[in-house]
Amino acid sequence: MDELVPVEISRVVLQSKSEPQYVHLRVLESERSFPIVIGFNEAAEICRKLGRERFERPMTHDLIGRIFEATGWQLRRVIVSELRDATFHAYLDLVSEIEERLIDCRPSDAIALATQFRTPIFVSREVLDAVAPEG
């Protein structure tokens, strides 16, 4: 895999359901950033995770987290790995006591889980250079 660059969520734009939602990622210790268009539910979930809001019953990402914990998997990091046909692609980098796995997923879900578990987010250098060229 290409060189990975650590990023953080710089902001989430949550608008009416009929408008696009965005999560903005920024390179750590830099002003270099880029947006990813995501769904309303995913944007709302990321906002809830950032605010550490909890519900009585588990939401989808909470359920996924419970499955990880019950099966011994840990989310080591998420990776925004590719930009193909104007669509971002990502992986969950999971580890257990006996193996490691990269699981293909949507960046919005990966970012929501990274926010939930407070794990690092990375973007491939190739994607970063394509969407946020250095000035």
C-alpha atoms as a PDB file:
ATOM      1  CA  MET A   1       0.000   0.000   0.000  1.00  0.00           C
ATOM      2  CA  ASP A   2       1.030   3.574  -0.716  1.00  0.00           C
ATOM      3  CA  GLU A   3       2.573   5.794   1.972  1.00  0.00           C
ATOM      4  CA  LEU A   4      -0.029   6.657   4.632  1.00  0.00           C
ATOM      5  CA  VAL A   5      -0.517  10.163   6.023  1.00  0.00           C
ATOM      6  CA  PRO A   6      -2.226  10.701   9.401  1.00  0.00           C
ATOM      7  CA  VAL A   7      -5.315  12.928   9.309  1.00  0.00           C
ATOM      8  CA  GLU A   8      -7.996  14.107  11.717  1.00  0.00           C
ATOM      9  CA  ILE A   9     -11.572  15.265  11.406  1.00  0.00           C
ATOM     10  CA  SER A  10     -11.487  19.042  11.122  1.00  0.00           C
ATOM     11  CA  ARG A  11     -15.250  19.487  10.800  1.00  0.00           C
ATOM     12  CA  VAL A  12     -18.490  17.801   9.871  1.00  0.00           C
ATOM     13  CA  VAL A  13     -21.106  19.657   7.848  1.00  0.00           C
ATOM     14  CA  LEU A  14     -24.574  18.408   8.774  1.00  0.00           C
ATOM     15  CA  GLN A  15     -27.325  20.027   6.704  1.00  0.00           C
ATOM     16  CA  SER A  16     -30.915  19.189   5.816  1.00  0.00           C
ATOM     17  CA  LYS A  17     -31.369  15.653   4.505  1.00  0.00           C
ATOM     18  CA  SER A  18     -31.912  16.933   0.958  1.00  0.00           C
ATOM     19  CA  GLU A  19     -28.442  18.533   0.833  1.00  0.00           C
ATOM     20  CA  PRO A  20     -25.018  16.857   0.735  1.00  0.00           C
ATOM     21  CA  GLN A  21     -23.226  16.222   4.028  1.00  0.00           C
ATOM     22  CA  TYR A  22     -19.454  16.501   4.380  1.00  0.00           C
ATOM     23  CA  VAL A  23     -16.697  15.314   6.658  1.00  0.00           C
ATOM     24  CA  HIS A  24     -13.502  17.344   6.285  1.00  0.00           C
ATOM     25  CA  LEU A  25     -10.201  15.612   6.978  1.00  0.00           C
ATOM     26  CA  ARG A  26      -7.054  17.597   7.715  1.00  0.00           C
ATOM     27  CA  VAL A  27      -3.449  16.405   7.725  1.00  0.00           C
ATOM     28  CA  LEU A  28      -2.145  16.490  11.293  1.00  0.00           C
ATOM     29  CA  GLU A  29      -0.200  19.667  12.087  1.00  0.00           C
ATOM     30  CA  SER A  30      -1.100  21.145   8.699  1.00  0.00           C
ATOM     31  CA  GLU A  31      -3.781  23.217   7.025  1.00  0.00           C
ATOM     32  CA  ARG A  32      -3.926  20.761   4.123  1.00  0.00           C
ATOM     33  CA  SER A  33      -7.444  19.307   4.059  1.00  0.00           C
ATOM     34  CA  PHE A  34     -10.179  17.869   1.882  1.00  0.00           C
ATOM     35  CA  PRO A  35     -13.893  17.047   2.136  1.00  0.00           C
ATOM     36  CA  ILE A  36     -15.648  13.733   1.588  1.00  0.00           C
ATOM     37  CA  VAL A  37     -19.352  13.759   0.706  1.00  0.00           C
ATOM     38  CA  ILE A  38     -21.221  11.373   2.993  1.00  0.00           C
ATOM     39  CA  GLY A  39     -24.802  10.446   3.802  1.00  0.00           C
ATOM     40  CA  PHE A  40     -26.961  12.245   6.347  1.00  0.00           C
ATOM     41  CA  ASN A  41     -27.114   9.286   8.746  1.00  0.00           C
ATOM     42  CA  GLU A  42     -23.344   8.803   8.673  1.00  0.00           C
ATOM     43  CA  ALA A  43     -22.713  12.527   9.254  1.00  0.00           C
ATOM     44  CA  ALA A  44     -25.141  12.503  12.185  1.00  0.00           C
ATOM     45  CA  GLU A  45     -23.431   9.399  13.594  1.00  0.00           C
ATOM     46  CA  ILE A  46     -19.974  10.992  13.369  1.00  0.00           C
ATOM     47  CA  CYS A  47     -21.332  14.094  15.147  1.00  0.00           C
ATOM     48  CA  ARG A  48     -22.825  11.879  17.873  1.00  0.00           C
ATOM     49  CA  LYS A  49     -19.509  10.042  18.284  1.00  0.00           C
ATOM     50  CA  LEU A  50     -17.557  13.311  18.466  1.00  0.00           C
ATOM     51  CA  GLY A  51     -19.959  14.488  21.180  1.00  0.00           C
ATOM     52  CA  ARG A  52     -19.771  11.099  22.926  1.00  0.00           C
ATOM     53  CA  GLU A  53     -23.553  10.912  22.817  1.00  0.00           C
ATOM     54  CA  ARG A  54     -25.001   7.536  23.780  1.00  0.00           C
ATOM     55  CA  PHE A  55     -28.364   5.907  23.217  1.00  0.00           C
ATOM     56  CA  GLU A  56     -30.174   3.361  25.340  1.00  0.00           C
ATOM     57  CA  ARG A  57     -30.171   0.889  22.450  1.00  0.00           C
ATOM     58  CA  PRO A  58     -27.124   0.445  20.189  1.00  0.00           C
ATOM     59  CA  MET A  59     -27.045   2.217  16.848  1.00  0.00           C
ATOM     60  CA  THR A  60     -25.490   0.390  13.871  1.00  0.00           C
ATOM     61  CA  HIS A  61     -21.897   1.516  14.524  1.00  0.00           C
ATOM     62  CA  ASP A  62     -22.292   0.719  18.226  1.00  0.00           C
ATOM     63  CA  LEU A  63     -23.419  -2.772  17.254  1.00  0.00           C
ATOM     64  CA  ILE A  64     -20.402  -3.219  14.994  1.00  0.00           C
ATOM     65  CA  GLY A  65     -18.175  -2.141  17.892  1.00  0.00           C
ATOM     66  CA  ARG A  66     -19.835  -4.677  20.182  1.00  0.00           C
ATOM     67  CA  ILE A  67     -19.251  -7.395  17.595  1.00  0.00           C
ATOM     68  CA  PHE A  68     -15.544  -6.441  17.412  1.00  0.00           C
ATOM     69  CA  GLU A  69     -15.239  -6.644  21.182  1.00  0.00           C
ATOM     70  CA  ALA A  70     -17.175  -9.923  21.464  1.00  0.00           C
ATOM     71  CA  THR A  71     -15.035 -11.609  18.814  1.00  0.00           C
ATOM     72  CA  GLY A  72     -11.655 -10.284  19.978  1.00  0.00           C
ATOM     73  CA  TRP A  73     -11.040  -7.892  17.082  1.00  0.00           C
ATOM     74  CA  GLN A  74      -9.635  -4.402  17.579  1.00  0.00           C
ATOM     75  CA  LEU A  75      -9.757  -1.500  15.166  1.00  0.00           C
ATOM     76  CA  ARG A  76      -6.111  -0.467  14.790  1.00  0.00           C
ATOM     77  CA  ARG A  77      -6.757   2.321  12.271  1.00  0.00           C
ATOM     78  CA  VAL A  78      -8.823   3.281   9.255  1.00  0.00           C
ATOM     79  CA  ILE A  79      -7.340   4.053   5.875  1.00  0.00           C
ATOM     80  CA  VAL A  80      -8.848   6.192   3.112  1.00  0.00           C
ATOM     81  CA  SER A  81      -7.086   4.188   0.459  1.00  0.00           C
ATOM     82  CA  GLU A  82      -8.273   5.129  -2.979  1.00  0.00           C
ATOM     83  CA  LEU A  83     -10.177   7.609  -5.121  1.00  0.00           C
ATOM     84  CA  ARG A  84     -11.805   5.811  -8.028  1.00  0.00           C
ATOM     85  CA  ASP A  85     -14.354   7.420 -10.368  1.00  0.00           C
ATOM     86  CA  ALA A  86     -14.756  10.339  -7.911  1.00  0.00           C
ATOM     87  CA  THR A  87     -15.603   7.907  -5.088  1.00  0.00           C
ATOM     88  CA  PHE A  88     -13.426   7.456  -2.011  1.00  0.00           C
ATOM     89  CA  HIS A  89     -12.698   3.925  -0.783  1.00  0.00           C
ATOM     90  CA  ALA A  90     -11.503   2.905   2.669  1.00  0.00           C
ATOM     91  CA  TYR A  91     -10.411  -0.023   4.807  1.00  0.00           C
ATOM     92  CA  LEU A  92     -10.799  -0.986   8.418  1.00  0.00           C
ATOM     93  CA  ASP A  93      -7.438  -2.289   9.660  1.00  0.00           C
ATOM     94  CA  LEU A  94      -8.443  -4.950  12.205  1.00  0.00           C
ATOM     95  CA  VAL A  95      -6.219  -7.025  14.466  1.00  0.00           C
ATOM     96  CA  SER A  96      -6.835  -9.969  16.766  1.00  0.00           C
ATOM     97  CA  GLU A  97      -4.476 -12.119  18.792  1.00  0.00           C
ATOM     98  CA  ILE A  98      -3.899 -14.389  15.802  1.00  0.00           C
ATOM     99  CA  GLU A  99      -4.353 -12.363  12.634  1.00  0.00           C
ATOM    100  CA  GLU A 100      -4.734  -9.013  10.889  1.00  0.00           C
ATOM    101  CA  ARG A 101      -7.300  -8.085   8.273  1.00  0.00           C
ATOM    102  CA  LEU A 102      -8.141  -5.189   5.983  1.00  0.00           C
ATOM    103  CA  ILE A 103     -11.910  -4.923   5.487  1.00  0.00           C
ATOM    104  CA  ASP A 104     -13.245  -2.859   2.581  1.00  0.00           C
ATOM    105  CA  CYS A 105     -15.813  -0.265   3.661  1.00  0.00           C
ATOM    106  CA  ARG A 106     -17.193   3.185   2.941  1.00  0.00           C
ATOM    107  CA  PRO A 107     -15.063   6.031   4.307  1.00  0.00           C
ATOM    108  CA  SER A 108     -18.041   7.402   6.238  1.00  0.00           C
ATOM    109  CA  ASP A 109     -18.472   4.133   8.152  1.00  0.00           C
ATOM    110  CA  ALA A 110     -14.725   3.835   8.709  1.00  0.00           C
ATOM    111  CA  ILE A 111     -14.532   7.393  10.057  1.00  0.00           C
ATOM    112  CA  ALA A 112     -17.550   6.840  12.325  1.00  0.00           C
ATOM    113  CA  LEU A 113     -15.897   3.737  13.789  1.00  0.00           C
ATOM    114  CA  ALA A 114     -12.542   5.487  14.166  1.00  0.00           C
ATOM    115  CA  THR A 115     -14.316   8.273  16.049  1.00  0.00           C
ATOM    116  CA  GLN A 116     -16.118   5.758  18.243  1.00  0.00           C
ATOM    117  CA  PHE A 117     -12.934   3.872  19.157  1.00  0.00           C
ATOM    118  CA  ARG A 118     -10.645   6.942  19.119  1.00  0.00           C
ATOM    119  CA  THR A 119      -8.357   5.235  16.627  1.00  0.00           C
ATOM    120  CA  PRO A 120      -6.181   6.964  14.009  1.00  0.00           C
ATOM    121  CA  ILE A 121      -7.346   7.841  10.517  1.00  0.00           C
ATOM    122  CA  PHE A 122      -4.921   7.715   7.601  1.00  0.00           C
ATOM    123  CA  VAL A 123      -5.140   8.654   3.938  1.00  0.00           C
ATOM    124  CA  SER A 124      -2.898   7.309   1.205  1.00  0.00           C
ATOM    125  CA  ARG A 125      -0.407   9.833  -0.145  1.00  0.00           C
ATOM    126  CA  GLU A 126      -1.773   9.234  -3.657  1.00  0.00           C
ATOM    127  CA  VAL A 127      -5.323  10.172  -2.614  1.00  0.00           C
ATOM    128  CA  LEU A 128      -4.114  13.189  -0.628  1.00  0.00           C
ATOM    129  CA  ASP A 129      -2.075  14.500  -3.547  1.00  0.00           C
ATOM    130  CA  ALA A 130      -5.065  14.064  -5.866  1.00  0.00           C
ATOM    131  CA  VAL A 131      -7.604  15.901  -3.686  1.00  0.00           C
ATOM    132  CA  ALA A 132      -5.435  18.379  -1.762  1.00  0.00           C
ATOM    133  CA  PRO A 133      -2.262  19.165  -3.719  1.00  0.00           C
ATOM    134  CA  GLU A 134       0.416  20.995  -1.780  1.00  0.00           C
ATOM    135  CA  GLY A 135       0.261  24.732  -2.407  1.00  0.00           C
END
